[in-house]
Amino acid sequence: MATIRLLTSNSVRGVLDEVLPRFERASGHQVSASFDPAKIMLRRIRGGDTGDLALFAEPAIDELVQEGRLVAGSRRVLARCGVGVAVRAGAPKPDIGSVEAFKRALLDARSIAHTLEGASGMHFAGIVERLGIAAQVKAKARTQGGGLIAEIVARGDAELAIQQIPELMAVPGIEVVGPLPAEIQATTVSAAAIFTNAAQPQAAQELIDFLASPETGKVYRAKGHDPVAA
């Protein structure tokens, strides 16, 4: 039996919370998972943090492969997801069906929650700049570095939450309005790879195979992802 150290981002937390106990029962291994936005995790790894398996957005995985920190041949694409909007459960849902409707919803909202260092937060910052409403949004933004931003909406401290749909779905007490319009959507592809200095490379490979299985793919789909591995 091995203990696998997994470094991963918050977008797959809902999936991992459900499937890791299944993997542990089936394999006899234990998984110690550490969650952070990919940008923060990259800083941690470049500062000397390491593990057995990394599970992030594809660009971060590819950077770490190029730096020699992850084994190129172990890289496996698992799923993709988009960014969406959420409100508190029972609250009116704004029209976000077009770019103009989404812009109006942002301007009409009393407060908007988004991350600063997560992939969705950085994408959202670019969107509001492109739409010419960055100053108006900043004035009513409720932000944090990473984590599940919809928790702010669930407790009534913001009206709208903008984040990757699986992260929104992981928060009780909110309702997902829908995805961003296609013209301003950002699709994140999640991939996994084994650290070059992994203490448990064989067990990490077993975990990759489990995460790429059709059984886990059903959980990905239920949690707001589109599984791309079979």
C-alpha atoms as a PDB file:
ATOM      1  CA  MET A   1       0.000   0.000   0.000  1.00  0.00           C
ATOM      2  CA  ALA A   2       1.269   3.460  -0.931  1.00  0.00           C
ATOM      3  CA  THR A   3       0.329   7.011   0.017  1.00  0.00           C
ATOM      4  CA  ILE A   4       0.042   9.089  -3.172  1.00  0.00           C
ATOM      5  CA  ARG A   5       0.638  12.816  -2.828  1.00  0.00           C
ATOM      6  CA  LEU A   6      -1.621  14.607  -5.317  1.00  0.00           C
ATOM      7  CA  LEU A   7      -1.209  18.308  -6.113  1.00  0.00           C
ATOM      8  CA  THR A   8      -4.288  19.618  -7.896  1.00  0.00           C
ATOM      9  CA  SER A   9      -6.499  22.617  -8.638  1.00  0.00           C
ATOM     10  CA  ASN A  10      -9.949  23.388  -7.263  1.00  0.00           C
ATOM     11  CA  SER A  11     -11.807  22.786 -10.536  1.00  0.00           C
ATOM     12  CA  VAL A  12     -11.715  19.004 -10.020  1.00  0.00           C
ATOM     13  CA  ARG A  13     -12.370  19.029  -6.279  1.00  0.00           C
ATOM     14  CA  GLY A  14     -15.999  17.912  -6.595  1.00  0.00           C
ATOM     15  CA  VAL A  15     -14.967  14.936  -8.721  1.00  0.00           C
ATOM     16  CA  LEU A  16     -12.076  13.932  -6.478  1.00  0.00           C
ATOM     17  CA  ASP A  17     -14.148  14.184  -3.299  1.00  0.00           C
ATOM     18  CA  GLU A  18     -16.390  11.485  -4.747  1.00  0.00           C
ATOM     19  CA  VAL A  19     -13.976   9.195  -6.568  1.00  0.00           C
ATOM     20  CA  LEU A  20     -10.838   9.162  -4.411  1.00  0.00           C
ATOM     21  CA  PRO A  21     -12.505   7.110  -1.645  1.00  0.00           C
ATOM     22  CA  ARG A  22     -13.530   4.591  -4.331  1.00  0.00           C
ATOM     23  CA  PHE A  23      -9.948   4.422  -5.600  1.00  0.00           C
ATOM     24  CA  GLU A  24      -8.599   3.964  -2.093  1.00  0.00           C
ATOM     25  CA  ARG A  25     -10.996   1.086  -1.401  1.00  0.00           C
ATOM     26  CA  ALA A  26     -10.251  -0.613  -4.734  1.00  0.00           C
ATOM     27  CA  SER A  27      -6.469  -0.161  -4.732  1.00  0.00           C
ATOM     28  CA  GLY A  28      -5.531  -0.233  -1.065  1.00  0.00           C
ATOM     29  CA  HIS A  29      -3.561   2.999  -1.588  1.00  0.00           C
ATOM     30  CA  GLN A  30      -4.187   6.268   0.230  1.00  0.00           C
ATOM     31  CA  VAL A  31      -4.332   9.665  -1.510  1.00  0.00           C
ATOM     32  CA  SER A  32      -3.202  12.869   0.175  1.00  0.00           C
ATOM     33  CA  ALA A  33      -4.618  15.669  -1.979  1.00  0.00           C
ATOM     34  CA  SER A  34      -3.533  19.300  -1.784  1.00  0.00           C
ATOM     35  CA  PHE A  35      -5.741  21.895  -3.536  1.00  0.00           C
ATOM     36  CA  ASP A  36      -4.820  25.380  -4.786  1.00  0.00           C
ATOM     37  CA  PRO A  37      -5.388  27.488  -7.904  1.00  0.00           C
ATOM     38  CA  ALA A  38      -2.946  26.416 -10.610  1.00  0.00           C
ATOM     39  CA  LYS A  39      -1.079  29.729 -10.500  1.00  0.00           C
ATOM     40  CA  ILE A  40      -0.430  29.318  -6.776  1.00  0.00           C
ATOM     41  CA  MET A  41       0.428  25.647  -7.211  1.00  0.00           C
ATOM     42  CA  LEU A  42       2.992  26.494  -9.884  1.00  0.00           C
ATOM     43  CA  ARG A  43       4.671  28.886  -7.445  1.00  0.00           C
ATOM     44  CA  ARG A  44       4.678  26.185  -4.779  1.00  0.00           C
ATOM     45  CA  ILE A  45       6.236  23.592  -7.095  1.00  0.00           C
ATOM     46  CA  ARG A  46       8.857  25.995  -8.418  1.00  0.00           C
ATOM     47  CA  GLY A  47       9.625  26.839  -4.797  1.00  0.00           C
ATOM     48  CA  GLY A  48      10.431  23.200  -4.061  1.00  0.00           C
ATOM     49  CA  ASP A  49       7.067  21.575  -3.276  1.00  0.00           C
ATOM     50  CA  THR A  50       6.555  18.224  -4.970  1.00  0.00           C
ATOM     51  CA  GLY A  51       4.449  15.086  -4.928  1.00  0.00           C
ATOM     52  CA  ASP A  52       3.618  12.001  -6.935  1.00  0.00           C
ATOM     53  CA  LEU A  53       0.908  13.262  -9.285  1.00  0.00           C
ATOM     54  CA  ALA A  54      -0.108  16.677 -10.638  1.00  0.00           C
ATOM     55  CA  LEU A  55      -3.608  17.387 -11.951  1.00  0.00           C
ATOM     56  CA  PHE A  56      -4.058  20.876 -13.406  1.00  0.00           C
ATOM     57  CA  ALA A  57      -5.155  22.722 -16.491  1.00  0.00           C
ATOM     58  CA  GLU A  58      -3.243  21.587 -19.568  1.00  0.00           C
ATOM     59  CA  PRO A  59      -1.018  24.696 -19.927  1.00  0.00           C
ATOM     60  CA  ALA A  60       0.290  24.342 -16.356  1.00  0.00           C
ATOM     61  CA  ILE A  61       0.994  20.636 -16.858  1.00  0.00           C
ATOM     62  CA  ASP A  62       2.820  21.395 -20.112  1.00  0.00           C
ATOM     63  CA  GLU A  63       4.941  24.092 -18.441  1.00  0.00           C
ATOM     64  CA  LEU A  64       6.001  21.644 -15.731  1.00  0.00           C
ATOM     65  CA  VAL A  65       6.779  18.953 -18.325  1.00  0.00           C
ATOM     66  CA  GLN A  66       8.963  21.437 -20.229  1.00  0.00           C
ATOM     67  CA  GLU A  67      10.751  22.326 -16.983  1.00  0.00           C
ATOM     68  CA  GLY A  68      11.492  18.659 -16.383  1.00  0.00           C
ATOM     69  CA  ARG A  69       9.353  18.480 -13.230  1.00  0.00           C
ATOM     70  CA  LEU A  70       6.794  16.078 -14.726  1.00  0.00           C
ATOM     71  CA  VAL A  71       7.287  12.955 -16.871  1.00  0.00           C
ATOM     72  CA  ALA A  72       6.217  13.774 -20.433  1.00  0.00           C
ATOM     73  CA  GLY A  73       5.197  10.215 -21.248  1.00  0.00           C
ATOM     74  CA  SER A  74       2.817  10.060 -18.290  1.00  0.00           C
ATOM     75  CA  ARG A  75       0.738  13.073 -19.384  1.00  0.00           C
ATOM     76  CA  ARG A  76      -2.961  12.186 -19.760  1.00  0.00           C
ATOM     77  CA  VAL A  77      -5.854  14.490 -20.705  1.00  0.00           C
ATOM     78  CA  LEU A  78      -8.926  13.802 -18.554  1.00  0.00           C
ATOM     79  CA  ALA A  79     -11.729  16.350 -18.973  1.00  0.00           C
ATOM     80  CA  ARG A  80     -12.728  19.857 -19.985  1.00  0.00           C
ATOM     81  CA  CYS A  81     -15.051  22.470 -18.518  1.00  0.00           C
ATOM     82  CA  GLY A  82     -16.225  26.041 -19.062  1.00  0.00           C
ATOM     83  CA  VAL A  83     -16.878  29.140 -16.967  1.00  0.00           C
ATOM     84  CA  GLY A  84     -20.360  29.941 -15.725  1.00  0.00           C
ATOM     85  CA  VAL A  85     -22.487  32.200 -13.560  1.00  0.00           C
ATOM     86  CA  ALA A  86     -24.268  31.312 -10.322  1.00  0.00           C
ATOM     87  CA  VAL A  87     -26.749  32.966  -7.964  1.00  0.00           C
ATOM     88  CA  ARG A  88     -27.931  32.133  -4.470  1.00  0.00           C
ATOM     89  CA  ALA A  89     -30.515  29.333  -4.432  1.00  0.00           C
ATOM     90  CA  GLY A  90     -33.963  30.790  -5.037  1.00  0.00           C
ATOM     91  CA  ALA A  91     -32.695  34.149  -6.325  1.00  0.00           C
ATOM     92  CA  PRO A  92     -33.774  35.476  -9.748  1.00  0.00           C
ATOM     93  CA  LYS A  93     -31.561  34.256 -12.577  1.00  0.00           C
ATOM     94  CA  PRO A  94     -30.360  36.974 -14.960  1.00  0.00           C
ATOM     95  CA  ASP A  95     -30.345  36.585 -18.729  1.00  0.00           C
ATOM     96  CA  ILE A  96     -26.805  35.676 -19.820  1.00  0.00           C
ATOM     97  CA  GLY A  97     -27.737  34.175 -23.179  1.00  0.00           C
ATOM     98  CA  SER A  98     -25.758  36.694 -25.233  1.00  0.00           C
ATOM     99  CA  VAL A  99     -22.713  38.875 -24.702  1.00  0.00           C
ATOM    100  CA  GLU A 100     -24.889  41.986 -24.424  1.00  0.00           C
ATOM    101  CA  ALA A 101     -27.248  40.280 -21.965  1.00  0.00           C
ATOM    102  CA  PHE A 102     -24.290  39.117 -19.879  1.00  0.00           C
ATOM    103  CA  LYS A 103     -22.843  42.630 -19.871  1.00  0.00           C
ATOM    104  CA  ARG A 104     -26.194  44.018 -18.723  1.00  0.00           C
ATOM    105  CA  ALA A 105     -26.401  41.392 -15.978  1.00  0.00           C
ATOM    106  CA  LEU A 106     -22.983  42.454 -14.689  1.00  0.00           C
ATOM    107  CA  LEU A 107     -23.924  46.122 -14.722  1.00  0.00           C
ATOM    108  CA  ASP A 108     -27.260  45.448 -12.993  1.00  0.00           C
ATOM    109  CA  ALA A 109     -25.794  43.217 -10.274  1.00  0.00           C
ATOM    110  CA  ARG A 110     -25.210  44.827  -6.897  1.00  0.00           C
ATOM    111  CA  SER A 111     -22.092  42.712  -6.274  1.00  0.00           C
ATOM    112  CA  ILE A 112     -20.025  40.142  -8.190  1.00  0.00           C
ATOM    113  CA  ALA A 113     -17.733  37.474  -6.729  1.00  0.00           C
ATOM    114  CA  HIS A 114     -14.719  36.153  -8.622  1.00  0.00           C
ATOM    115  CA  THR A 115     -11.242  34.828  -7.912  1.00  0.00           C
ATOM    116  CA  LEU A 116      -8.052  36.752  -8.548  1.00  0.00           C
ATOM    117  CA  GLU A 117      -5.580  33.947  -9.256  1.00  0.00           C
ATOM    118  CA  GLY A 118      -7.776  31.127 -10.526  1.00  0.00           C
ATOM    119  CA  ALA A 119      -8.056  30.562 -14.281  1.00  0.00           C
ATOM    120  CA  SER A 120     -11.672  31.735 -14.358  1.00  0.00           C
ATOM    121  CA  GLY A 121     -10.901  34.904 -12.408  1.00  0.00           C
ATOM    122  CA  MET A 122      -8.105  35.908 -14.752  1.00  0.00           C
ATOM    123  CA  HIS A 123     -10.318  35.170 -17.747  1.00  0.00           C
ATOM    124  CA  PHE A 124     -13.151  37.225 -16.254  1.00  0.00           C
ATOM    125  CA  ALA A 125     -10.801  40.178 -15.718  1.00  0.00           C
ATOM    126  CA  GLY A 126     -10.015  40.073 -19.438  1.00  0.00           C
ATOM    127  CA  ILE A 127     -13.694  39.892 -20.366  1.00  0.00           C
ATOM    128  CA  VAL A 128     -14.731  42.988 -18.418  1.00  0.00           C
ATOM    129  CA  GLU A 129     -11.799  44.891 -19.906  1.00  0.00           C
ATOM    130  CA  ARG A 130     -12.924  43.819 -23.373  1.00  0.00           C
ATOM    131  CA  LEU A 131     -16.505  44.854 -22.611  1.00  0.00           C
ATOM    132  CA  GLY A 132     -15.377  48.233 -21.300  1.00  0.00           C
ATOM    133  CA  ILE A 133     -16.872  47.778 -17.830  1.00  0.00           C
ATOM    134  CA  ALA A 134     -13.802  46.909 -15.745  1.00  0.00           C
ATOM    135  CA  ALA A 135     -14.128  49.956 -13.484  1.00  0.00           C
ATOM    136  CA  GLN A 136     -17.830  49.353 -12.796  1.00  0.00           C
ATOM    137  CA  VAL A 137     -17.230  45.678 -11.988  1.00  0.00           C
ATOM    138  CA  LYS A 138     -14.200  46.383  -9.805  1.00  0.00           C
ATOM    139  CA  ALA A 139     -16.231  48.812  -7.725  1.00  0.00           C
ATOM    140  CA  LYS A 140     -18.633  46.069  -6.652  1.00  0.00           C
ATOM    141  CA  ALA A 141     -16.370  43.015  -6.798  1.00  0.00           C
ATOM    142  CA  ARG A 142     -16.017  40.561  -3.925  1.00  0.00           C
ATOM    143  CA  THR A 143     -12.746  38.761  -4.534  1.00  0.00           C
ATOM    144  CA  GLN A 144     -10.396  36.203  -3.043  1.00  0.00           C
ATOM    145  CA  GLY A 145      -7.236  34.584  -4.347  1.00  0.00           C
ATOM    146  CA  GLY A 146      -8.754  31.196  -5.083  1.00  0.00           C
ATOM    147  CA  GLY A 147     -11.099  28.631  -3.600  1.00  0.00           C
ATOM    148  CA  LEU A 148     -14.815  28.150  -4.188  1.00  0.00           C
ATOM    149  CA  ILE A 149     -15.969  31.695  -4.865  1.00  0.00           C
ATOM    150  CA  ALA A 150     -19.676  30.793  -4.872  1.00  0.00           C
ATOM    151  CA  GLU A 151     -19.474  30.340  -1.095  1.00  0.00           C
ATOM    152  CA  ILE A 152     -19.615  34.144  -0.942  1.00  0.00           C
ATOM    153  CA  VAL A 153     -22.905  34.072  -2.863  1.00  0.00           C
ATOM    154  CA  ALA A 154     -24.300  31.180  -0.811  1.00  0.00           C
ATOM    155  CA  ARG A 155     -23.920  33.176   2.396  1.00  0.00           C
ATOM    156  CA  GLY A 156     -25.513  36.260   0.839  1.00  0.00           C
ATOM    157  CA  ASP A 157     -22.411  38.456   0.537  1.00  0.00           C
ATOM    158  CA  ALA A 158     -22.552  38.744  -3.271  1.00  0.00           C
ATOM    159  CA  GLU A 159     -25.254  38.506  -5.919  1.00  0.00           C
ATOM    160  CA  LEU A 160     -23.383  36.773  -8.768  1.00  0.00           C
ATOM    161  CA  ALA A 161     -20.466  34.335  -8.807  1.00  0.00           C
ATOM    162  CA  ILE A 162     -18.243  33.802 -11.835  1.00  0.00           C
ATOM    163  CA  GLN A 163     -16.127  30.654 -11.881  1.00  0.00           C
ATOM    164  CA  GLN A 164     -15.630  27.359 -13.653  1.00  0.00           C
ATOM    165  CA  ILE A 165     -18.930  25.477 -13.640  1.00  0.00           C
ATOM    166  CA  PRO A 166     -17.680  22.447 -11.642  1.00  0.00           C
ATOM    167  CA  GLU A 167     -16.437  24.780  -8.905  1.00  0.00           C
ATOM    168  CA  LEU A 168     -19.813  26.518  -8.802  1.00  0.00           C
ATOM    169  CA  MET A 169     -21.612  23.170  -8.633  1.00  0.00           C
ATOM    170  CA  ALA A 170     -19.472  22.104  -5.673  1.00  0.00           C
ATOM    171  CA  VAL A 171     -21.075  24.762  -3.426  1.00  0.00           C
ATOM    172  CA  PRO A 172     -24.366  23.995  -1.640  1.00  0.00           C
ATOM    173  CA  GLY A 173     -26.949  26.768  -1.575  1.00  0.00           C
ATOM    174  CA  ILE A 174     -26.332  28.176  -5.056  1.00  0.00           C
ATOM    175  CA  GLU A 175     -27.839  27.614  -8.490  1.00  0.00           C
ATOM    176  CA  VAL A 176     -25.899  27.709 -11.742  1.00  0.00           C
ATOM    177  CA  VAL A 177     -27.495  30.150 -14.178  1.00  0.00           C
ATOM    178  CA  GLY A 178     -25.560  28.743 -17.123  1.00  0.00           C
ATOM    179  CA  PRO A 179     -22.294  29.008 -19.052  1.00  0.00           C
ATOM    180  CA  LEU A 180     -20.841  32.221 -20.421  1.00  0.00           C
ATOM    181  CA  PRO A 181     -21.845  33.017 -24.012  1.00  0.00           C
ATOM    182  CA  ALA A 182     -19.759  31.078 -26.518  1.00  0.00           C
ATOM    183  CA  GLU A 183     -18.016  34.215 -27.848  1.00  0.00           C
ATOM    184  CA  ILE A 184     -16.447  34.903 -24.434  1.00  0.00           C
ATOM    185  CA  GLN A 185     -16.222  31.375 -23.051  1.00  0.00           C
ATOM    186  CA  ALA A 186     -12.942  29.844 -21.882  1.00  0.00           C
ATOM    187  CA  THR A 187     -12.618  26.066 -21.919  1.00  0.00           C
ATOM    188  CA  THR A 188     -10.180  24.536 -19.463  1.00  0.00           C
ATOM    189  CA  VAL A 189      -8.741  21.115 -20.282  1.00  0.00           C
ATOM    190  CA  SER A 190      -7.568  19.148 -17.238  1.00  0.00           C
ATOM    191  CA  ALA A 191      -4.598  16.823 -17.510  1.00  0.00           C
ATOM    192  CA  ALA A 192      -2.505  14.724 -15.135  1.00  0.00           C
ATOM    193  CA  ALA A 193       1.162  13.733 -15.102  1.00  0.00           C
ATOM    194  CA  ILE A 194       3.588  12.053 -12.720  1.00  0.00           C
ATOM    195  CA  PHE A 195       6.382  13.996 -11.019  1.00  0.00           C
ATOM    196  CA  THR A 196       9.876  13.061 -12.176  1.00  0.00           C
ATOM    197  CA  ASN A 197      10.940  12.641  -8.528  1.00  0.00           C
ATOM    198  CA  ALA A 198       7.754  10.849  -7.461  1.00  0.00           C
ATOM    199  CA  ALA A 199       8.146   8.564  -4.472  1.00  0.00           C
ATOM    200  CA  GLN A 200       5.247   6.405  -5.688  1.00  0.00           C
ATOM    201  CA  PRO A 201       5.251   6.508  -9.517  1.00  0.00           C
ATOM    202  CA  GLN A 202       3.554   3.128  -9.982  1.00  0.00           C
ATOM    203  CA  ALA A 203       0.720   3.981  -7.605  1.00  0.00           C
ATOM    204  CA  ALA A 204       0.404   7.400  -9.276  1.00  0.00           C
ATOM    205  CA  GLN A 205      -0.006   5.653 -12.640  1.00  0.00           C
ATOM    206  CA  GLU A 206      -2.761   3.499 -11.146  1.00  0.00           C
ATOM    207  CA  LEU A 207      -4.522   6.681 -10.039  1.00  0.00           C
ATOM    208  CA  ILE A 208      -4.218   8.224 -13.518  1.00  0.00           C
ATOM    209  CA  ASP A 209      -5.727   5.080 -15.040  1.00  0.00           C
ATOM    210  CA  PHE A 210      -8.595   5.222 -12.543  1.00  0.00           C
ATOM    211  CA  LEU A 211      -9.248   8.919 -13.248  1.00  0.00           C
ATOM    212  CA  ALA A 212      -9.332   8.149 -16.981  1.00  0.00           C
ATOM    213  CA  SER A 213     -11.767   5.241 -16.603  1.00  0.00           C
ATOM    214  CA  PRO A 214     -15.352   5.293 -17.945  1.00  0.00           C
ATOM    215  CA  GLU A 215     -16.631   4.950 -14.363  1.00  0.00           C
ATOM    216  CA  THR A 216     -14.885   8.151 -13.300  1.00  0.00           C
ATOM    217  CA  GLY A 217     -16.007   9.787 -16.553  1.00  0.00           C
ATOM    218  CA  LYS A 218     -19.611   9.482 -15.358  1.00  0.00           C
ATOM    219  CA  VAL A 219     -18.715  11.427 -12.223  1.00  0.00           C
ATOM    220  CA  TYR A 220     -16.894  14.078 -14.248  1.00  0.00           C
ATOM    221  CA  ARG A 221     -20.044  14.595 -16.313  1.00  0.00           C
ATOM    222  CA  ALA A 222     -22.290  14.768 -13.246  1.00  0.00           C
ATOM    223  CA  LYS A 223     -20.002  17.416 -11.733  1.00  0.00           C
ATOM    224  CA  GLY A 224     -20.043  19.752 -14.735  1.00  0.00           C
ATOM    225  CA  HIS A 225     -17.091  18.455 -16.772  1.00  0.00           C
ATOM    226  CA  ASP A 226     -16.959  16.891 -20.211  1.00  0.00           C
ATOM    227  CA  PRO A 227     -14.781  13.759 -19.869  1.00  0.00           C
ATOM    228  CA  VAL A 228     -12.342  13.321 -22.729  1.00  0.00           C
ATOM    229  CA  ALA A 229     -10.515  10.202 -21.550  1.00  0.00           C
ATOM    230  CA  ALA A 230     -11.863   6.684 -21.930  1.00  0.00           C
END
